[in-house]
Amino acid sequence: MPYVKIEVTREGVTREQKQTLIAGVTKLITEVLDKDPKLTHVVIQEIELDDWGYAGEQVSVLREKGITAKR
């Protein structure tokens, strides 16, 4: 029973985007590991910007400086 946890910052990931992630990850696990998709669990957890940091800064501070994760 595969369990996949995806953590993202709480910045407006839509219900449709989450569904696409869940379907895509389930398909990948099925194809690569030959696991039953009915037994594959995908959890998406959204983390507040103040609770996530990298490079020594909170993401909320980085966003205030105009630094984003967008391409």
Protein backbone atom coordinates (compact mmCIF):
# COMPACT_ATOMS: atom_id res chain seq x y z
CA MET A 1 0.00 0.00 0.00
CA PRO A 2 1.99 3.02 -1.21
CA TYR A 3 1.64 6.28 0.68
CA VAL A 4 2.88 9.50 -0.91
CA LYS A 5 2.89 12.83 0.92
CA ILE A 6 3.21 16.07 -1.01
CA GLU A 7 3.94 19.21 0.99
CA VAL A 8 3.40 22.62 -0.58
CA THR A 9 3.17 26.12 0.75
CA ARG A 10 -0.34 27.46 1.23
CA GLU A 11 -0.42 29.74 -1.79
CA GLY A 12 -3.63 28.98 -3.61
CA VAL A 13 -3.24 25.46 -4.97
CA THR A 14 -6.66 24.79 -6.43
CA ARG A 15 -8.84 21.75 -5.98
CA GLU A 16 -8.32 20.93 -9.66
CA GLN A 17 -4.52 21.15 -9.31
CA LYS A 18 -4.65 18.85 -6.30
CA GLN A 19 -6.76 16.34 -8.22
CA THR A 20 -4.24 16.45 -11.08
CA LEU A 21 -1.38 15.81 -8.63
CA ILE A 22 -3.23 12.91 -7.00
CA ALA A 23 -4.08 11.31 -10.34
CA GLY A 24 -0.59 11.83 -11.73
CA VAL A 25 1.23 10.44 -8.70
CA THR A 26 -1.13 7.46 -8.55
CA LYS A 27 -0.51 6.73 -12.24
CA LEU A 28 3.26 7.01 -11.76
CA ILE A 29 3.26 4.64 -8.77
CA THR A 30 1.12 2.19 -10.75
CA GLU A 31 3.38 2.30 -13.82
CA VAL A 32 6.77 2.34 -12.08
CA LEU A 33 6.13 0.10 -9.08
CA ASP A 34 3.25 -1.99 -10.49
CA LYS A 35 1.06 -1.12 -7.49
CA ASP A 36 -2.72 -1.28 -7.38
CA PRO A 37 -4.04 2.28 -7.77
CA LYS A 38 -6.96 1.42 -5.47
CA LEU A 39 -4.45 0.90 -2.66
CA THR A 40 -2.33 3.99 -3.36
CA HIS A 41 -2.76 6.89 -0.95
CA VAL A 42 -1.73 10.45 -1.78
CA VAL A 43 -1.86 13.19 0.85
CA ILE A 44 -1.37 16.86 0.06
CA GLN A 45 -0.49 19.02 3.02
CA GLU A 46 -0.41 22.78 2.73
CA ILE A 47 2.08 24.54 5.00
CA GLU A 48 1.69 28.14 6.13
CA LEU A 49 4.38 30.47 4.75
CA ASP A 50 5.60 31.35 8.25
CA ASP A 51 6.09 27.63 8.97
CA TRP A 52 8.32 26.86 5.98
CA GLY A 53 11.81 28.17 5.48
CA TYR A 54 14.87 27.74 3.33
CA ALA A 55 18.16 29.55 2.93
CA GLY A 56 17.74 30.75 6.51
CA GLU A 57 14.51 32.68 5.86
CA GLN A 58 10.81 32.10 6.33
CA VAL A 59 9.03 31.78 3.01
CA SER A 60 6.73 34.63 4.07
CA VAL A 61 9.77 36.92 4.28
CA LEU A 62 11.11 35.70 0.94
CA ARG A 63 7.73 36.41 -0.69
CA GLU A 64 7.78 39.94 0.77
CA LYS A 65 11.16 40.37 -0.95
CA GLY A 66 9.60 39.25 -4.24
CA ILE A 67 11.25 35.81 -4.28
CA THR A 68 8.84 33.17 -5.55
CA ALA A 69 8.92 29.54 -6.69
CA LYS A 70 7.33 30.30 -10.05
CA ARG A 71 9.20 29.65 -13.28
